[in-house]
Protein backbone atom coordinates (compact mmCIF):
# COMPACT_ATOMS: atom_id res chain seq x y z
CA UNK A 1 188.88 197.04 237.39
CA UNK A 2 188.33 200.20 239.42
CA UNK A 3 185.13 200.98 241.32
CA UNK A 4 183.53 202.98 238.53
CA UNK A 5 184.24 200.29 235.98
CA UNK A 6 182.79 197.67 238.24
CA UNK A 7 179.70 199.78 238.82
CA UNK A 8 179.12 200.25 235.13
CA UNK A 9 179.68 196.52 234.47
CA UNK A 10 177.04 195.66 237.09
CA UNK A 11 174.71 198.21 235.43
CA UNK A 12 175.20 196.50 232.01
CA UNK A 13 174.50 193.11 233.63
CA UNK A 14 171.26 194.32 235.18
CA UNK A 15 170.19 196.11 232.00
CA UNK A 16 170.67 192.98 229.91
CA UNK A 17 168.95 190.73 232.44
CA UNK A 18 165.98 193.12 232.49
CA UNK A 19 165.93 192.91 228.67
CA UNK A 20 165.45 189.13 228.96
CA UNK A 21 169.02 187.89 228.48
CA UNK A 22 169.94 184.77 230.49
CA UNK A 23 172.34 185.59 233.31
CA UNK A 24 175.22 183.70 231.64
CA UNK A 25 174.99 185.84 228.50
CA UNK A 26 174.61 189.02 230.50
CA UNK A 27 177.60 188.05 232.61
CA UNK A 28 179.73 187.37 229.54
CA UNK A 29 178.86 190.66 227.82
CA UNK A 30 179.32 192.64 231.06
CA UNK A 31 182.70 191.07 231.58
CA UNK A 32 182.44 190.39 235.28
CA UNK A 33 182.83 187.15 237.20
CA UNK A 34 179.56 186.62 239.00
CA UNK A 35 177.62 183.60 240.13
CA UNK A 36 173.98 182.98 239.17
CA UNK A 37 172.66 183.64 242.67
CA UNK A 38 174.66 186.86 243.01
CA UNK A 39 173.44 188.07 239.59
CA UNK A 40 169.80 187.51 240.55
CA UNK A 41 170.35 189.05 243.98
CA UNK A 42 171.84 192.11 242.36
CA UNK A 43 168.92 192.31 239.96
CA UNK A 44 166.48 192.10 242.88
CA UNK A 45 168.32 194.79 244.82
CA UNK A 46 168.38 197.05 241.77
CA UNK A 47 164.61 196.71 241.45
CA UNK A 48 164.18 197.70 245.09
CA UNK A 49 166.90 200.29 245.56
CA UNK A 50 167.74 201.57 242.05
CA UNK A 51 171.26 203.01 241.52
CA UNK A 52 172.30 202.43 245.13
CA UNK A 53 172.40 198.64 244.49
CA UNK A 54 175.17 199.14 241.96
CA UNK A 55 177.60 200.54 244.52
CA UNK A 56 180.06 198.17 246.06
CA UNK A 57 179.40 198.75 249.76
CA UNK A 58 182.11 196.47 251.04
CA UNK A 59 184.85 197.98 253.15
CA UNK A 60 187.64 196.65 255.17
CA UNK A 61 188.73 197.83 258.56
CA UNK A 62 192.27 198.92 257.58
CA UNK A 63 190.86 201.67 255.33
CA UNK A 64 188.84 203.24 258.07
CA UNK A 65 191.63 203.75 260.52
CA UNK A 66 194.36 205.41 258.57
CA UNK A 67 196.21 208.65 258.90
CA UNK A 68 194.94 211.17 261.37
CA UNK A 69 192.15 209.00 262.80
CA UNK A 70 194.54 206.12 263.57
CA UNK A 71 197.14 208.48 265.09
CA UNK A 72 194.41 210.03 267.24
CA UNK A 73 193.28 206.56 268.41
CA UNK A 74 196.82 205.47 269.33
CA UNK A 75 197.69 208.75 271.08
CA UNK A 76 194.39 208.89 272.95
CA UNK A 77 194.72 205.31 274.17
CA UNK A 78 198.31 205.88 275.32
CA UNK A 79 197.25 208.93 277.35
CA UNK A 80 194.05 207.41 278.73
CA UNK A 81 194.44 203.64 278.45
CA UNK A 82 191.43 202.86 280.69
CA UNK A 83 189.00 204.54 278.31
CA UNK A 84 186.39 202.07 277.07
CA UNK A 85 186.40 201.35 273.36
CA UNK A 86 182.77 202.46 273.10
CA UNK A 87 183.78 205.99 274.19
CA UNK A 88 186.63 205.99 271.66
CA UNK A 89 184.20 204.84 268.98
CA UNK A 90 181.97 207.86 269.74
CA UNK A 91 184.98 210.24 269.61
CA UNK A 92 186.11 208.89 266.23
CA UNK A 93 182.59 209.36 264.87
CA UNK A 94 182.28 212.87 266.20
CA UNK A 95 185.73 214.17 265.27
CA UNK A 96 186.44 212.32 262.03
CA UNK A 97 183.08 211.11 260.80
CA UNK A 98 184.42 207.56 260.79
CA UNK A 99 182.19 204.70 261.82
CA UNK A 100 184.46 202.02 263.29
CA UNK A 101 183.39 198.88 265.12
CA UNK A 102 184.44 198.30 268.70
CA UNK A 103 186.12 195.06 267.65
CA UNK A 104 188.26 196.98 265.14
CA UNK A 105 189.27 199.49 267.81
CA UNK A 106 190.17 196.60 270.08
CA UNK A 107 192.28 194.99 267.34
CA UNK A 108 194.23 198.21 266.83
CA UNK A 109 194.67 198.55 270.56
CA UNK A 110 195.90 194.98 270.85
CA UNK A 111 198.40 195.30 268.00
CA UNK A 112 199.82 198.48 269.52
CA UNK A 113 199.74 197.05 273.08
CA UNK A 114 197.55 199.88 274.29
CA UNK A 115 194.65 197.80 275.50
CA UNK A 116 192.41 199.03 278.30
CA UNK A 117 192.64 195.67 280.00
CA UNK A 118 195.52 196.12 282.38
CA UNK A 119 197.22 193.12 283.95
CA UNK A 120 196.25 194.36 287.42
CA UNK A 121 192.54 194.35 286.53
CA UNK A 122 192.94 190.81 285.24
CA UNK A 123 194.61 189.71 288.47
CA UNK A 124 191.87 191.40 290.55
CA UNK A 125 189.19 189.48 288.66
CA UNK A 126 191.02 186.20 289.18
CA UNK A 127 191.33 186.85 292.92
CA UNK A 128 187.68 187.76 293.23
CA UNK A 129 186.66 184.62 291.35
CA UNK A 130 188.73 182.53 293.74
CA UNK A 131 186.94 184.08 296.72
CA UNK A 132 183.52 183.57 295.19
CA UNK A 133 184.15 180.03 293.91
CA UNK A 134 186.80 178.47 296.16
CA UNK A 135 188.32 175.17 295.13
CA UNK A 136 187.75 172.18 297.38
């Protein structure tokens, strides 16, 4: 079922529930697998938001960082590996109109081994911690 078919199936479900059909009958005639609580939550959202509630707003992180945006991220991090992920997040939003979480940027950086956490910075922090909190 593609996105448009799923949207129209949710619309049929809501329409039938508004007409007084029990959720099980509306579910069967709409042809979508949906739990009781999800059906009523969808009905409630449709009453508040209208057509917007019918859209499937879920998205996964791999979709957001594909193609040119992902290439940009990898190239930029290789050239300037110390750049904070928050700055890269802003660049991706400005240049590509893509809203990506910092954790997703960090996952991509980690898989490509282009993290901004260099081993020397880690060692420096360990040494400073030893000076601050010496062992007895």
